[in-house]
Protein backbone atom coordinates (compact mmCIF):
# COMPACT_ATOMS: atom_id res chain seq x y z
CA MET A 1 -28.11 9.29 139.27
CA SER A 2 -25.51 11.88 140.52
CA ASN A 3 -25.55 15.67 139.85
CA TYR A 4 -22.05 15.66 138.68
CA LEU A 5 -19.94 14.14 135.82
CA PHE A 6 -16.34 13.07 135.85
CA CYS A 7 -14.84 14.25 132.47
CA GLY A 8 -11.26 13.01 132.66
CA CYS A 9 -7.70 14.23 133.34
CA ALA A 10 -7.66 18.01 133.20
CA HIS A 11 -3.90 18.45 133.56
CA VAL A 12 -0.74 17.54 135.55
CA GLY A 13 0.89 20.35 137.28
CA ILE A 14 4.74 20.42 137.43
CA MET A 15 6.72 22.79 139.59
CA THR A 16 9.70 24.32 137.93
CA GLY A 17 12.30 27.08 138.29
CA ASP A 18 12.37 27.61 134.54
CA VAL A 19 9.02 27.63 132.80
CA GLN A 20 10.30 28.64 129.44
CA LYS A 21 12.96 25.87 129.37
CA CYS A 22 10.16 23.25 130.15
CA VAL A 23 7.81 24.76 127.54
CA ASP A 24 10.63 24.76 124.92
CA PHE A 25 11.45 21.05 125.71
CA TYR A 26 7.98 19.82 125.57
CA CYS A 27 7.19 21.77 122.40
CA LYS A 28 10.49 21.02 120.57
CA ASN A 29 11.04 17.47 121.62
CA LEU A 30 7.66 15.98 122.52
CA GLY A 31 5.29 17.57 120.00
CA PHE A 32 3.31 19.71 122.47
CA ARG A 33 2.02 23.29 121.55
CA PRO A 34 1.37 26.28 123.66
CA TYR A 35 -2.10 26.10 125.25
CA TYR A 36 -2.62 28.94 127.76
CA ALA A 37 -0.61 31.25 130.01
CA GLY A 38 -1.56 33.50 132.88
CA LYS A 39 -1.21 34.29 136.39
CA ILE A 40 -3.18 33.51 139.62
CA GLY A 41 -2.20 36.22 142.00
CA PRO A 42 1.57 36.52 141.67
CA MET A 43 2.06 32.87 140.44
CA PRO A 44 2.66 32.42 136.64
CA LEU A 45 1.14 29.42 135.10
CA THR A 46 1.95 28.17 131.53
CA PHE A 47 0.07 25.21 129.88
CA VAL A 48 1.11 23.06 126.98
CA GLU A 49 -1.06 20.37 125.21
CA ASN A 50 -0.61 17.32 123.05
CA GLY A 51 -3.27 14.79 122.20
CA GLY A 52 -5.53 15.79 124.98
CA LEU A 53 -2.71 15.71 127.62
CA VAL A 54 -2.23 19.10 129.16
CA VAL A 55 0.77 19.88 131.29
CA GLU A 56 0.87 22.89 133.54
CA PHE A 57 4.20 24.41 134.48
CA ILE A 58 4.21 26.24 137.81
CA ALA A 59 6.91 28.92 138.18
CA ALA A 60 7.92 27.97 141.69
CA GLY A 61 11.62 28.61 141.89
CA GLU A 62 12.43 24.95 142.46
CA ALA A 63 10.99 21.53 142.13
CA LYS A 64 9.50 20.21 145.48
CA PRO A 65 11.35 17.68 147.46
CA GLY A 66 10.29 14.26 146.37
CA GLY A 67 9.57 15.29 142.82
CA ALA A 68 8.46 17.95 140.41
CA VAL A 69 4.83 16.80 139.84
CA ASP A 70 2.67 18.85 142.12
CA HIS A 71 -0.76 17.55 141.50
CA ILE A 72 -3.12 15.79 139.16
CA ALA A 73 -6.19 17.80 138.15
CA LEU A 74 -9.45 15.92 137.19
CA GLU A 75 -12.05 17.75 135.10
CA VAL A 76 -15.56 17.48 136.37
CA GLN A 77 -18.93 19.08 135.72
CA GLY A 78 -21.11 19.88 138.72
CA ILE A 79 -18.22 20.46 141.11
CA GLU A 80 -20.38 21.46 144.05
CA ALA A 81 -22.34 18.15 143.87
CA PHE A 82 -19.14 16.19 143.45
CA VAL A 83 -17.59 17.76 146.57
CA GLU A 84 -20.81 17.18 148.53
CA ASP A 85 -20.59 13.60 147.51
CA LEU A 86 -16.90 13.21 148.54
CA ARG A 87 -17.51 14.81 151.87
CA ALA A 88 -20.41 12.51 152.57
CA LYS A 89 -18.01 9.65 151.84
CA GLY A 90 -15.67 11.11 154.53
CA VAL A 91 -13.16 12.52 152.28
CA GLU A 92 -11.60 15.82 153.57
CA VAL A 93 -11.95 18.25 150.83
CA GLY A 94 -10.84 21.95 150.92
CA PRO A 95 -13.01 24.94 150.01
CA ILE A 96 -14.11 25.35 146.41
CA GLY A 97 -12.23 28.30 144.85
CA SER A 98 -12.87 30.26 141.64
CA SER A 99 -11.03 32.40 139.19
CA PRO A 100 -13.47 33.93 136.81
CA ASP A 101 -10.78 35.75 134.72
CA PHE A 102 -8.46 32.87 134.15
CA PHE A 103 -8.96 30.86 130.99
CA PRO A 104 -11.56 32.28 128.66
CA ASN A 105 -14.55 31.43 130.85
CA GLY A 106 -13.02 31.07 134.18
CA PHE A 107 -12.94 27.91 136.38
CA LYS A 108 -13.67 26.54 139.86
CA ASN A 109 -11.43 24.17 141.63
CA VAL A 110 -10.85 22.30 144.87
CA PHE A 111 -7.81 20.34 146.21
CA PHE A 112 -7.71 17.24 148.38
CA THR A 113 -5.35 14.41 149.19
CA GLY A 114 -5.54 10.87 147.81
CA PRO A 115 -4.92 7.81 149.80
CA ALA A 116 -1.26 7.58 148.83
CA GLY A 117 -0.65 11.24 149.82
CA GLU A 118 -1.00 12.53 146.29
CA LYS A 119 -2.30 16.05 145.76
CA LEU A 120 -5.57 15.92 143.59
CA GLU A 121 -7.54 18.91 142.07
CA LEU A 122 -11.10 18.88 140.75
CA VAL A 123 -11.52 21.53 138.23
CA GLU A 124 -14.69 22.74 136.36
CA TYR A 125 -14.21 25.04 133.33
């Protein structure tokens, strides 16, 4: 039995030059509602939600070459044990970060790359 739990998709992060335009589009056309907004350092982040799907809009000036989707975040419990297990399996995982003042109870997260080059994030709220 592992000391961690995979909880599902936490959010999908999308790079954009116009956060408000994206929020308006998702809320007016797709039934999303504002979920959370804040900054990590100088970077503004705005989240919208619908039916359990959370989309994060990252104020980045422009979409990245190859597409606007920046990362897929997977919610976990026991992030330290999860990362330890991944590293034991040979997965290169970055350092665990934390932001105690973002979201009501803060969060811990870590980024790594999937086999197709996709950027993945583990997040524990």
